[in-house]
């Protein structure tokens, strides 16, 4: 890259640490600052991940003159305010998925980014992985023919702990926002915005959603069948089916992995793109590329699509029974 981006992170959780560590494998950027709710938290994160500038508040982080771009890695309920805080300080933002709690909050962030003429992007890191890049190419060439259906599941078995973030209502807990965002975003990437949304939800023991099954219908007749759960580990596979062939993505479909292209009447062709690290650096590389080219959003994860995805998430949630 022409310029190495200096990243500041808001929030010092697990994914923030993975992001900081993954950037060591990239030449596009480096994490120079961490902002935590406490000085102790910032010091701890800085020592663990080699981050020199350590701030005991988010306000200090966004005002740090050494920070070029901000990665918002707080729990979902704080994404909107943290992103706007950074944007109003003049800093481009990468906002952890889900972008916000709902579509209304997403529109707020997008409005501020566009008013300030600043870059913003949802950190849906799956979009930028090597196997997804290859799948996009196959889809663009219409190799599969007319798309008929898509399936994807994302289930993780979490301990039955009311203090765990995924079960806490005040932290935006629930399978849909935390895990289901991957499958809904995947369907959006492949099939676009759905025309009709059907869903069935089962609550977890704290009242947040624990399991949701989703059926989406799309223009042209293609359907997406999606399932997510925090109650048990699932296969975490995905498949895209067309009239001439299909793509089967191996577990875990949302992480760096492999896939097979299976054309009608032919032997499967296995794709295993080379990869190193957790996978979070690719979204940072995309931010660096966009900023170097003067773009205000990524063509691979546009702001309008992010809002559309949150609208679909809202429609799914509204049908909970």
C-alpha atoms as a PDB file:
ATOM      1  CA  UNK A   1       0.000   0.000   0.000  1.00  0.00           C
ATOM      2  CA  UNK A   2       1.131   3.571  -0.644  1.00  0.00           C
ATOM      3  CA  UNK A   3       0.412   4.496   2.985  1.00  0.00           C
ATOM      4  CA  UNK A   4       0.306   2.294   6.059  1.00  0.00           C
ATOM      5  CA  UNK A   5      -2.938   3.026   7.879  1.00  0.00           C
ATOM      6  CA  UNK A   6      -2.714   3.670  11.600  1.00  0.00           C
ATOM      7  CA  UNK A   7      -5.667   1.971  13.284  1.00  0.00           C
ATOM      8  CA  UNK A   8      -7.346   2.817  16.553  1.00  0.00           C
ATOM      9  CA  UNK A   9      -9.710   0.287  18.135  1.00  0.00           C
ATOM     10  CA  UNK A  10     -12.746   1.103  20.268  1.00  0.00           C
ATOM     11  CA  UNK A  11     -13.381  -1.825  22.583  1.00  0.00           C
ATOM     12  CA  UNK A  12     -10.883  -4.405  23.774  1.00  0.00           C
ATOM     13  CA  UNK A  13     -12.730  -7.723  23.461  1.00  0.00           C
ATOM     14  CA  UNK A  14     -11.734 -10.983  21.805  1.00  0.00           C
ATOM     15  CA  UNK A  15     -12.422  -9.946  18.225  1.00  0.00           C
ATOM     16  CA  UNK A  16     -10.502  -6.699  18.717  1.00  0.00           C
ATOM     17  CA  UNK A  17      -7.500  -8.748  19.804  1.00  0.00           C
ATOM     18  CA  UNK A  18      -7.825 -11.051  16.808  1.00  0.00           C
ATOM     19  CA  UNK A  19      -7.976  -8.023  14.524  1.00  0.00           C
ATOM     20  CA  UNK A  20      -4.851  -6.503  16.079  1.00  0.00           C
ATOM     21  CA  UNK A  21      -2.932  -9.771  15.841  1.00  0.00           C
ATOM     22  CA  UNK A  22      -4.072 -10.443  12.266  1.00  0.00           C
ATOM     23  CA  UNK A  23      -2.766  -7.087  11.071  1.00  0.00           C
ATOM     24  CA  UNK A  24       0.749  -8.347  11.768  1.00  0.00           C
ATOM     25  CA  UNK A  25       0.254 -10.471   8.627  1.00  0.00           C
ATOM     26  CA  UNK A  26      -0.620  -7.441   6.493  1.00  0.00           C
ATOM     27  CA  UNK A  27       1.406  -4.539   5.172  1.00  0.00           C
ATOM     28  CA  UNK A  28      -1.626  -2.266   4.798  1.00  0.00           C
ATOM     29  CA  UNK A  29      -1.955  -1.143   8.397  1.00  0.00           C
ATOM     30  CA  UNK A  30      -0.965  -1.381  12.035  1.00  0.00           C
ATOM     31  CA  UNK A  31      -2.879  -0.891  15.276  1.00  0.00           C
ATOM     32  CA  UNK A  32      -1.429   2.096  17.129  1.00  0.00           C
ATOM     33  CA  UNK A  33      -4.135   2.833  19.702  1.00  0.00           C
ATOM     34  CA  UNK A  34      -6.769   1.169  21.878  1.00  0.00           C
ATOM     35  CA  UNK A  35      -9.682   2.897  23.572  1.00  0.00           C
ATOM     36  CA  UNK A  36     -11.340   1.147  26.493  1.00  0.00           C
ATOM     37  CA  UNK A  37     -13.908   2.137  29.107  1.00  0.00           C
ATOM     38  CA  UNK A  38     -11.112   2.069  31.693  1.00  0.00           C
ATOM     39  CA  UNK A  39      -7.419   2.867  31.742  1.00  0.00           C
ATOM     40  CA  UNK A  40      -6.759  -0.612  33.179  1.00  0.00           C
ATOM     41  CA  UNK A  41      -8.553  -2.277  30.275  1.00  0.00           C
ATOM     42  CA  UNK A  42      -6.597  -0.253  27.736  1.00  0.00           C
ATOM     43  CA  UNK A  43      -3.291  -1.056  29.415  1.00  0.00           C
ATOM     44  CA  UNK A  44      -4.100  -4.758  29.522  1.00  0.00           C
ATOM     45  CA  UNK A  45      -5.050  -4.878  25.830  1.00  0.00           C
ATOM     46  CA  UNK A  46      -2.028  -2.813  24.837  1.00  0.00           C
ATOM     47  CA  UNK A  47       0.357  -5.115  26.641  1.00  0.00           C
ATOM     48  CA  UNK A  48      -1.228  -8.268  25.219  1.00  0.00           C
ATOM     49  CA  UNK A  49      -1.246  -7.076  21.605  1.00  0.00           C
ATOM     50  CA  UNK A  50       1.648  -4.628  21.407  1.00  0.00           C
ATOM     51  CA  UNK A  51      -0.460  -1.472  21.010  1.00  0.00           C
ATOM     52  CA  UNK A  52       1.466   1.648  22.126  1.00  0.00           C
ATOM     53  CA  UNK A  53      -1.258   4.299  22.616  1.00  0.00           C
ATOM     54  CA  UNK A  54      -3.649   3.312  25.402  1.00  0.00           C
ATOM     55  CA  UNK A  55      -6.693   5.427  26.177  1.00  0.00           C
ATOM     56  CA  UNK A  56      -9.105   5.092  29.083  1.00  0.00           C
ATOM     57  CA  UNK A  57     -12.061   6.408  27.090  1.00  0.00           C
ATOM     58  CA  UNK A  58     -13.464   6.220  23.588  1.00  0.00           C
ATOM     59  CA  UNK A  59     -13.372  10.006  23.347  1.00  0.00           C
ATOM     60  CA  UNK A  60      -9.610  10.024  23.885  1.00  0.00           C
ATOM     61  CA  UNK A  61      -9.175   7.334  21.244  1.00  0.00           C
ATOM     62  CA  UNK A  62     -10.998   9.201  18.466  1.00  0.00           C
ATOM     63  CA  UNK A  63      -9.086  12.409  19.274  1.00  0.00           C
ATOM     64  CA  UNK A  64      -5.687  10.697  19.067  1.00  0.00           C
ATOM     65  CA  UNK A  65      -3.825  12.482  16.218  1.00  0.00           C
ATOM     66  CA  UNK A  66      -1.880   9.315  15.400  1.00  0.00           C
ATOM     67  CA  UNK A  67      -5.080   7.428  14.504  1.00  0.00           C
ATOM     68  CA  UNK A  68      -6.071   7.475  10.812  1.00  0.00           C
ATOM     69  CA  UNK A  69      -9.069   5.131  10.972  1.00  0.00           C
ATOM     70  CA  UNK A  70     -11.192   3.621  13.750  1.00  0.00           C
ATOM     71  CA  UNK A  71     -12.359   0.030  14.157  1.00  0.00           C
ATOM     72  CA  UNK A  72     -15.474  -0.173  16.347  1.00  0.00           C
ATOM     73  CA  UNK A  73     -15.357  -3.498  18.202  1.00  0.00           C
ATOM     74  CA  UNK A  74     -17.751  -2.889  21.101  1.00  0.00           C
ATOM     75  CA  UNK A  75     -20.875  -5.020  21.748  1.00  0.00           C
ATOM     76  CA  UNK A  76     -23.654  -4.345  19.217  1.00  0.00           C
ATOM     77  CA  UNK A  77     -25.766  -1.923  21.311  1.00  0.00           C
ATOM     78  CA  UNK A  78     -22.858   0.542  21.323  1.00  0.00           C
ATOM     79  CA  UNK A  79     -21.956   0.385  17.625  1.00  0.00           C
ATOM     80  CA  UNK A  80     -24.124   3.318  16.549  1.00  0.00           C
ATOM     81  CA  UNK A  81     -22.852   5.791  19.139  1.00  0.00           C
ATOM     82  CA  UNK A  82     -19.218   4.671  18.873  1.00  0.00           C
ATOM     83  CA  UNK A  83     -19.249   4.925  15.077  1.00  0.00           C
ATOM     84  CA  UNK A  84     -20.825   8.371  15.140  1.00  0.00           C
ATOM     85  CA  UNK A  85     -18.333   9.469  17.802  1.00  0.00           C
ATOM     86  CA  UNK A  86     -15.464   8.545  15.481  1.00  0.00           C
ATOM     87  CA  UNK A  87     -17.083  10.077  12.399  1.00  0.00           C
ATOM     88  CA  UNK A  88     -17.766  13.348  14.196  1.00  0.00           C
ATOM     89  CA  UNK A  89     -14.087  13.406  15.149  1.00  0.00           C
ATOM     90  CA  UNK A  90     -13.259  13.183  11.439  1.00  0.00           C
ATOM     91  CA  UNK A  91     -12.169   9.545  11.443  1.00  0.00           C
ATOM     92  CA  UNK A  92     -13.253   6.899   8.876  1.00  0.00           C
ATOM     93  CA  UNK A  93     -14.783   3.829  10.505  1.00  0.00           C
ATOM     94  CA  UNK A  94     -14.941   0.067  10.184  1.00  0.00           C
ATOM     95  CA  UNK A  95     -17.883  -1.100  12.319  1.00  0.00           C
ATOM     96  CA  UNK A  96     -18.047  -4.656  13.619  1.00  0.00           C
ATOM     97  CA  UNK A  97     -20.983  -6.754  12.483  1.00  0.00           C
ATOM     98  CA  UNK A  98     -23.841  -6.522  12.997  1.00  0.00           C
ATOM     99  CA  UNK A  99     -23.403  -2.896  11.937  1.00  0.00           C
ATOM    100  CA  UNK A 100     -26.009  -1.765  14.481  1.00  0.00           C
ATOM    101  CA  UNK A 101     -28.941  -3.153  16.446  1.00  0.00           C
ATOM    102  CA  UNK A 102     -31.479  -2.330  13.739  1.00  0.00           C
ATOM    103  CA  UNK A 103     -31.974  -0.565  10.425  1.00  0.00           C
ATOM    104  CA  UNK A 104     -32.868   2.795  12.002  1.00  0.00           C
ATOM    105  CA  UNK A 105     -29.523   2.911  13.802  1.00  0.00           C
ATOM    106  CA  UNK A 106     -27.734   1.840  10.612  1.00  0.00           C
ATOM    107  CA  UNK A 107     -29.310   4.733   8.735  1.00  0.00           C
ATOM    108  CA  UNK A 108     -28.081   7.108  11.437  1.00  0.00           C
ATOM    109  CA  UNK A 109     -24.470   6.002  10.969  1.00  0.00           C
ATOM    110  CA  UNK A 110     -24.721   6.109   7.174  1.00  0.00           C
ATOM    111  CA  UNK A 111     -26.244   9.594   7.283  1.00  0.00           C
ATOM    112  CA  UNK A 112     -23.415  10.951   9.428  1.00  0.00           C
ATOM    113  CA  UNK A 113     -20.747   9.282   7.273  1.00  0.00           C
ATOM    114  CA  UNK A 114     -22.216  10.801   4.125  1.00  0.00           C
ATOM    115  CA  UNK A 115     -22.724  14.211   5.714  1.00  0.00           C
ATOM    116  CA  UNK A 116     -19.099  14.211   6.838  1.00  0.00           C
ATOM    117  CA  UNK A 117     -17.904  12.747   3.510  1.00  0.00           C
ATOM    118  CA  UNK A 118     -16.058   9.986   5.350  1.00  0.00           C
ATOM    119  CA  UNK A 119     -15.516   6.309   4.665  1.00  0.00           C
ATOM    120  CA  UNK A 120     -17.611   3.768   6.582  1.00  0.00           C
ATOM    121  CA  UNK A 121     -17.989   0.008   6.207  1.00  0.00           C
ATOM    122  CA  UNK A 122     -19.478  -2.933   8.068  1.00  0.00           C
ATOM    123  CA  UNK A 123     -16.818  -5.366   9.266  1.00  0.00           C
ATOM    124  CA  UNK A 124     -18.416  -8.418   7.642  1.00  0.00           C
ATOM    125  CA  UNK A 125     -14.995 -10.001   7.294  1.00  0.00           C
ATOM    126  CA  UNK A 126     -16.329 -13.074   5.458  1.00  0.00           C
ATOM    127  CA  UNK A 127     -16.898 -10.908   2.359  1.00  0.00           C
ATOM    128  CA  UNK A 128     -13.166 -10.422   1.882  1.00  0.00           C
ATOM    129  CA  UNK A 129     -11.823 -13.942   2.420  1.00  0.00           C
ATOM    130  CA  UNK A 130      -9.978 -15.744  -0.403  1.00  0.00           C
ATOM    131  CA  UNK A 131     -12.598 -18.469  -0.922  1.00  0.00           C
ATOM    132  CA  UNK A 132     -15.404 -15.902  -1.092  1.00  0.00           C
ATOM    133  CA  UNK A 133     -13.392 -13.892  -3.632  1.00  0.00           C
ATOM    134  CA  UNK A 134     -13.207 -16.999  -5.818  1.00  0.00           C
ATOM    135  CA  UNK A 135     -16.910 -17.770  -5.346  1.00  0.00           C
ATOM    136  CA  UNK A 136     -17.799 -14.219  -6.386  1.00  0.00           C
ATOM    137  CA  UNK A 137     -15.822 -14.742  -9.594  1.00  0.00           C
ATOM    138  CA  UNK A 138     -17.689 -17.970 -10.372  1.00  0.00           C
ATOM    139  CA  UNK A 139     -21.044 -16.297  -9.726  1.00  0.00           C
ATOM    140  CA  UNK A 140     -20.134 -13.275 -11.857  1.00  0.00           C
ATOM    141  CA  UNK A 141     -19.370 -15.616 -14.767  1.00  0.00           C
ATOM    142  CA  UNK A 142     -22.821 -17.236 -14.292  1.00  0.00           C
ATOM    143  CA  UNK A 143     -21.163 -20.641 -14.233  1.00  0.00           C
ATOM    144  CA  UNK A 144     -23.975 -22.128 -12.142  1.00  0.00           C
ATOM    145  CA  UNK A 145     -26.681 -21.011 -14.553  1.00  0.00           C
ATOM    146  CA  UNK A 146     -29.848 -19.566 -13.053  1.00  0.00           C
ATOM    147  CA  UNK A 147     -29.633 -19.515  -9.268  1.00  0.00           C
ATOM    148  CA  UNK A 148     -32.318 -21.621  -7.592  1.00  0.00           C
ATOM    149  CA  UNK A 149     -31.521 -21.847  -3.875  1.00  0.00           C
ATOM    150  CA  UNK A 150     -29.036 -21.107  -1.133  1.00  0.00           C
ATOM    151  CA  UNK A 151     -28.613 -22.820   2.207  1.00  0.00           C
ATOM    152  CA  UNK A 152     -26.466 -21.818   5.166  1.00  0.00           C
ATOM    153  CA  UNK A 153     -26.349 -22.588   8.871  1.00  0.00           C
ATOM    154  CA  UNK A 154     -24.448 -21.075  11.757  1.00  0.00           C
ATOM    155  CA  UNK A 155     -24.816 -22.643  15.178  1.00  0.00           C
ATOM    156  CA  UNK A 156     -22.481 -22.470  18.160  1.00  0.00           C
ATOM    157  CA  UNK A 157     -23.108 -24.258  21.453  1.00  0.00           C
ATOM    158  CA  UNK A 158     -22.519 -21.781  24.274  1.00  0.00           C
ATOM    159  CA  UNK A 159     -22.447 -22.726  27.967  1.00  0.00           C
ATOM    160  CA  UNK A 160     -25.752 -22.079  29.756  1.00  0.00           C
ATOM    161  CA  UNK A 161     -24.427 -18.988  31.528  1.00  0.00           C
ATOM    162  CA  UNK A 162     -26.713 -15.966  32.064  1.00  0.00           C
ATOM    163  CA  UNK A 163     -23.631 -13.741  32.278  1.00  0.00           C
ATOM    164  CA  UNK A 164     -22.379 -14.747  28.833  1.00  0.00           C
ATOM    165  CA  UNK A 165     -22.745 -11.880  26.364  1.00  0.00           C
ATOM    166  CA  UNK A 166     -24.831 -13.884  23.893  1.00  0.00           C
ATOM    167  CA  UNK A 167     -27.518 -14.479  26.544  1.00  0.00           C
ATOM    168  CA  UNK A 168     -27.611 -10.954  28.019  1.00  0.00           C
ATOM    169  CA  UNK A 169     -30.420  -8.758  26.622  1.00  0.00           C
ATOM    170  CA  UNK A 170     -28.645  -5.542  27.643  1.00  0.00           C
ATOM    171  CA  UNK A 171     -25.636  -6.495  25.494  1.00  0.00           C
ATOM    172  CA  UNK A 172     -27.695  -7.253  22.396  1.00  0.00           C
ATOM    173  CA  UNK A 173     -27.643 -10.973  23.071  1.00  0.00           C
ATOM    174  CA  UNK A 174     -29.280 -13.568  20.873  1.00  0.00           C
ATOM    175  CA  UNK A 175     -28.293 -15.920  18.088  1.00  0.00           C
ATOM    176  CA  UNK A 176     -29.725 -13.810  15.275  1.00  0.00           C
ATOM    177  CA  UNK A 177     -27.610 -10.680  15.683  1.00  0.00           C
ATOM    178  CA  UNK A 178     -24.455 -12.475  16.756  1.00  0.00           C
ATOM    179  CA  UNK A 179     -24.492 -15.555  14.486  1.00  0.00           C
ATOM    180  CA  UNK A 180     -27.404 -15.103  12.096  1.00  0.00           C
ATOM    181  CA  UNK A 181     -25.928 -11.940  10.636  1.00  0.00           C
ATOM    182  CA  UNK A 182     -23.403 -14.140   8.791  1.00  0.00           C
ATOM    183  CA  UNK A 183     -26.019 -16.234   7.012  1.00  0.00           C
ATOM    184  CA  UNK A 184     -28.329 -13.311   6.221  1.00  0.00           C
ATOM    185  CA  UNK A 185     -25.406 -11.298   4.836  1.00  0.00           C
ATOM    186  CA  UNK A 186     -24.258 -14.307   2.796  1.00  0.00           C
ATOM    187  CA  UNK A 187     -27.721 -14.646   1.248  1.00  0.00           C
ATOM    188  CA  UNK A 188     -27.738 -10.921   0.496  1.00  0.00           C
ATOM    189  CA  UNK A 189     -24.350 -11.119  -1.217  1.00  0.00           C
ATOM    190  CA  UNK A 190     -25.496 -13.949  -3.487  1.00  0.00           C
ATOM    191  CA  UNK A 191     -29.198 -13.264  -4.062  1.00  0.00           C
ATOM    192  CA  UNK A 192     -29.736  -9.625  -3.118  1.00  0.00           C
ATOM    193  CA  UNK A 193     -32.564  -8.178  -1.039  1.00  0.00           C
ATOM    194  CA  UNK A 194     -35.423 -10.629  -0.407  1.00  0.00           C
ATOM    195  CA  UNK A 195     -38.984  -9.932  -1.482  1.00  0.00           C
ATOM    196  CA  UNK A 196     -40.546 -12.034   1.290  1.00  0.00           C
ATOM    197  CA  UNK A 197     -39.307 -13.047   4.743  1.00  0.00           C
ATOM    198  CA  UNK A 198     -40.592 -15.901   6.901  1.00  0.00           C
ATOM    199  CA  UNK A 199     -39.068 -16.938  10.215  1.00  0.00           C
ATOM    200  CA  UNK A 200     -39.644 -19.044  13.311  1.00  0.00           C
ATOM    201  CA  UNK A 201     -37.843 -18.338  16.577  1.00  0.00           C
ATOM    202  CA  UNK A 202     -37.183 -20.264  19.784  1.00  0.00           C
ATOM    203  CA  UNK A 203     -36.160 -18.280  22.859  1.00  0.00           C
ATOM    204  CA  UNK A 204     -33.126 -19.081  24.980  1.00  0.00           C
ATOM    205  CA  UNK A 205     -33.420 -19.389  28.780  1.00  0.00           C
ATOM    206  CA  UNK A 206     -32.828 -15.645  29.339  1.00  0.00           C
ATOM    207  CA  UNK A 207     -35.507 -14.590  26.863  1.00  0.00           C
ATOM    208  CA  UNK A 208     -33.232 -13.579  23.994  1.00  0.00           C
ATOM    209  CA  UNK A 209     -33.585 -15.502  20.748  1.00  0.00           C
ATOM    210  CA  UNK A 210     -31.812 -18.827  20.953  1.00  0.00           C
ATOM    211  CA  UNK A 211     -32.658 -20.394  17.618  1.00  0.00           C
ATOM    212  CA  UNK A 212     -34.173 -19.057  14.407  1.00  0.00           C
ATOM    213  CA  UNK A 213     -35.055 -20.663  11.081  1.00  0.00           C
ATOM    214  CA  UNK A 214     -35.460 -18.314   8.118  1.00  0.00           C
ATOM    215  CA  UNK A 215     -36.923 -18.635   4.627  1.00  0.00           C
ATOM    216  CA  UNK A 216     -36.282 -15.842   2.125  1.00  0.00           C
ATOM    217  CA  UNK A 217     -37.671 -15.523  -1.386  1.00  0.00           C
ATOM    218  CA  UNK A 218     -35.865 -13.361  -3.909  1.00  0.00           C
ATOM    219  CA  UNK A 219     -36.657 -11.767  -7.273  1.00  0.00           C
ATOM    220  CA  UNK A 220     -36.653 -14.429  -9.980  1.00  0.00           C
ATOM    221  CA  UNK A 221     -37.820 -17.139  -7.597  1.00  0.00           C
ATOM    222  CA  UNK A 222     -34.602 -18.125  -5.825  1.00  0.00           C
ATOM    223  CA  UNK A 223     -34.982 -19.066  -2.174  1.00  0.00           C
ATOM    224  CA  UNK A 224     -32.633 -18.999   0.812  1.00  0.00           C
ATOM    225  CA  UNK A 225     -33.033 -21.451   3.691  1.00  0.00           C
ATOM    226  CA  UNK A 226     -31.084 -20.292   6.738  1.00  0.00           C
ATOM    227  CA  UNK A 227     -30.753 -21.515  10.326  1.00  0.00           C
ATOM    228  CA  UNK A 228     -28.926 -20.128  13.333  1.00  0.00           C
ATOM    229  CA  UNK A 229     -28.698 -21.232  16.946  1.00  0.00           C
ATOM    230  CA  UNK A 230     -26.724 -20.515  20.103  1.00  0.00           C
ATOM    231  CA  UNK A 231     -27.925 -23.778  21.670  1.00  0.00           C
ATOM    232  CA  UNK A 232     -25.750 -26.302  19.792  1.00  0.00           C
ATOM    233  CA  UNK A 233     -22.883 -26.603  17.367  1.00  0.00           C
ATOM    234  CA  UNK A 234     -24.044 -27.107  13.761  1.00  0.00           C
ATOM    235  CA  UNK A 235     -22.255 -28.090  10.565  1.00  0.00           C
ATOM    236  CA  UNK A 236     -21.693 -24.425   9.562  1.00  0.00           C
ATOM    237  CA  UNK A 237     -21.877 -25.282   5.886  1.00  0.00           C
ATOM    238  CA  UNK A 238     -23.292 -23.310   2.967  1.00  0.00           C
ATOM    239  CA  UNK A 239     -24.330 -24.140  -0.584  1.00  0.00           C
ATOM    240  CA  UNK A 240     -25.365 -22.187  -3.679  1.00  0.00           C
ATOM    241  CA  UNK A 241     -27.430 -24.127  -6.198  1.00  0.00           C
ATOM    242  CA  UNK A 242     -28.033 -23.235  -9.825  1.00  0.00           C
ATOM    243  CA  UNK A 243     -29.622 -24.942 -12.819  1.00  0.00           C
ATOM    244  CA  UNK A 244     -26.210 -26.016 -14.181  1.00  0.00           C
ATOM    245  CA  UNK A 245     -24.272 -26.744 -11.006  1.00  0.00           C
ATOM    246  CA  UNK A 246     -23.673 -25.898  -7.373  1.00  0.00           C
ATOM    247  CA  UNK A 247     -21.063 -24.660  -4.940  1.00  0.00           C
ATOM    248  CA  UNK A 248     -20.642 -26.461  -1.622  1.00  0.00           C
ATOM    249  CA  UNK A 249     -18.649 -24.544   0.999  1.00  0.00           C
ATOM    250  CA  UNK A 250     -16.932 -26.589   3.675  1.00  0.00           C
ATOM    251  CA  UNK A 251     -17.106 -25.828   7.409  1.00  0.00           C
ATOM    252  CA  UNK A 252     -16.783 -23.193   8.657  1.00  0.00           C
ATOM    253  CA  UNK A 253     -18.187 -21.364   5.631  1.00  0.00           C
ATOM    254  CA  UNK A 254     -17.731 -17.898   7.158  1.00  0.00           C
ATOM    255  CA  UNK A 255     -14.052 -18.437   8.034  1.00  0.00           C
ATOM    256  CA  UNK A 256     -11.125 -19.103   5.676  1.00  0.00           C
ATOM    257  CA  UNK A 257     -12.007 -22.510   4.222  1.00  0.00           C
ATOM    258  CA  UNK A 258     -12.367 -24.574   1.047  1.00  0.00           C
ATOM    259  CA  UNK A 259     -15.206 -25.298  -1.349  1.00  0.00           C
ATOM    260  CA  UNK A 260     -16.196 -27.527  -4.261  1.00  0.00           C
ATOM    261  CA  UNK A 261     -17.662 -26.570  -7.622  1.00  0.00           C
ATOM    262  CA  UNK A 262     -19.928 -29.392  -8.808  1.00  0.00           C
ATOM    263  CA  UNK A 263     -21.230 -29.048 -12.355  1.00  0.00           C
ATOM    264  CA  UNK A 264     -23.977 -31.284 -13.664  1.00  0.00           C
ATOM    265  CA  UNK A 265     -22.563 -34.604 -14.844  1.00  0.00           C
ATOM    266  CA  UNK A 266     -18.969 -33.709 -13.932  1.00  0.00           C
ATOM    267  CA  UNK A 267     -16.565 -34.547 -11.132  1.00  0.00           C
ATOM    268  CA  UNK A 268     -16.294 -31.982  -8.317  1.00  0.00           C
ATOM    269  CA  UNK A 269     -13.512 -29.416  -8.599  1.00  0.00           C
ATOM    270  CA  UNK A 270     -12.077 -28.654  -5.180  1.00  0.00           C
ATOM    271  CA  UNK A 271     -10.828 -25.139  -4.429  1.00  0.00           C
ATOM    272  CA  UNK A 272      -8.438 -24.580  -1.527  1.00  0.00           C
ATOM    273  CA  UNK A 273      -7.184 -20.967  -1.594  1.00  0.00           C
ATOM    274  CA  UNK A 274      -3.986 -20.401   0.351  1.00  0.00           C
ATOM    275  CA  UNK A 275      -4.470 -18.594   3.620  1.00  0.00           C
ATOM    276  CA  UNK A 276      -2.661 -17.634   6.804  1.00  0.00           C
ATOM    277  CA  UNK A 277      -4.071 -16.203   9.995  1.00  0.00           C
ATOM    278  CA  UNK A 278      -7.563 -15.709  11.376  1.00  0.00           C
ATOM    279  CA  UNK A 279      -8.916 -13.822   8.355  1.00  0.00           C
ATOM    280  CA  UNK A 280      -9.674 -10.379   9.768  1.00  0.00           C
ATOM    281  CA  UNK A 281      -6.816  -8.670   7.987  1.00  0.00           C
ATOM    282  CA  UNK A 282      -8.543  -8.863   4.615  1.00  0.00           C
ATOM    283  CA  UNK A 283     -11.230  -6.383   5.614  1.00  0.00           C
ATOM    284  CA  UNK A 284      -8.505  -4.026   6.846  1.00  0.00           C
ATOM    285  CA  UNK A 285      -6.780  -4.376   3.477  1.00  0.00           C
ATOM    286  CA  UNK A 286     -10.073  -3.469   1.777  1.00  0.00           C
ATOM    287  CA  UNK A 287     -10.425  -0.345   3.932  1.00  0.00           C
ATOM    288  CA  UNK A 288      -6.857   0.653   3.046  1.00  0.00           C
ATOM    289  CA  UNK A 289      -7.513   0.068  -0.648  1.00  0.00           C
ATOM    290  CA  UNK A 290     -10.692   2.133  -0.617  1.00  0.00           C
ATOM    291  CA  UNK A 291      -9.100   5.016   1.276  1.00  0.00           C
ATOM    292  CA  UNK A 292      -6.075   5.036  -1.038  1.00  0.00           C
ATOM    293  CA  UNK A 293      -8.464   5.318  -3.999  1.00  0.00           C
ATOM    294  CA  UNK A 294     -10.549   8.054  -2.397  1.00  0.00           C
ATOM    295  CA  UNK A 295     -13.646   5.852  -2.009  1.00  0.00           C
ATOM    296  CA  UNK A 296     -16.205   6.578   0.711  1.00  0.00           C
ATOM    297  CA  UNK A 297     -17.495   3.000   0.821  1.00  0.00           C
ATOM    298  CA  UNK A 298     -16.507  -0.438  -0.398  1.00  0.00           C
ATOM    299  CA  UNK A 299     -18.141  -1.802  -3.563  1.00  0.00           C
ATOM    300  CA  UNK A 300     -17.944  -5.247  -1.916  1.00  0.00           C
ATOM    301  CA  UNK A 301     -19.872  -4.166   1.204  1.00  0.00           C
ATOM    302  CA  UNK A 302     -21.816  -1.027   0.358  1.00  0.00           C
ATOM    303  CA  UNK A 303     -23.592   1.050   2.957  1.00  0.00           C
ATOM    304  CA  UNK A 304     -26.907   0.650   1.169  1.00  0.00           C
ATOM    305  CA  UNK A 305     -26.547  -3.123   1.331  1.00  0.00           C
ATOM    306  CA  UNK A 306     -25.679  -2.945   5.024  1.00  0.00           C
ATOM    307  CA  UNK A 307     -28.893  -1.004   5.663  1.00  0.00           C
ATOM    308  CA  UNK A 308     -30.821  -3.505   3.509  1.00  0.00           C
ATOM    309  CA  UNK A 309     -29.430  -6.408   5.536  1.00  0.00           C
ATOM    310  CA  UNK A 310     -30.470  -4.731   8.771  1.00  0.00           C
ATOM    311  CA  UNK A 311     -33.955  -4.255   7.309  1.00  0.00           C
ATOM    312  CA  UNK A 312     -34.088  -7.999   6.649  1.00  0.00           C
ATOM    313  CA  UNK A 313     -32.886  -8.679  10.201  1.00  0.00           C
ATOM    314  CA  UNK A 314     -35.653  -6.400  11.511  1.00  0.00           C
ATOM    315  CA  UNK A 315     -38.245  -8.279   9.437  1.00  0.00           C
ATOM    316  CA  UNK A 316     -36.999 -11.608  10.817  1.00  0.00           C
ATOM    317  CA  UNK A 317     -37.129 -10.323  14.400  1.00  0.00           C
ATOM    318  CA  UNK A 318     -40.630  -8.904  13.919  1.00  0.00           C
ATOM    319  CA  UNK A 319     -41.958 -12.414  13.242  1.00  0.00           C
ATOM    320  CA  UNK A 320     -40.684 -13.925  16.482  1.00  0.00           C
ATOM    321  CA  UNK A 321     -43.244 -16.141  18.229  1.00  0.00           C
END
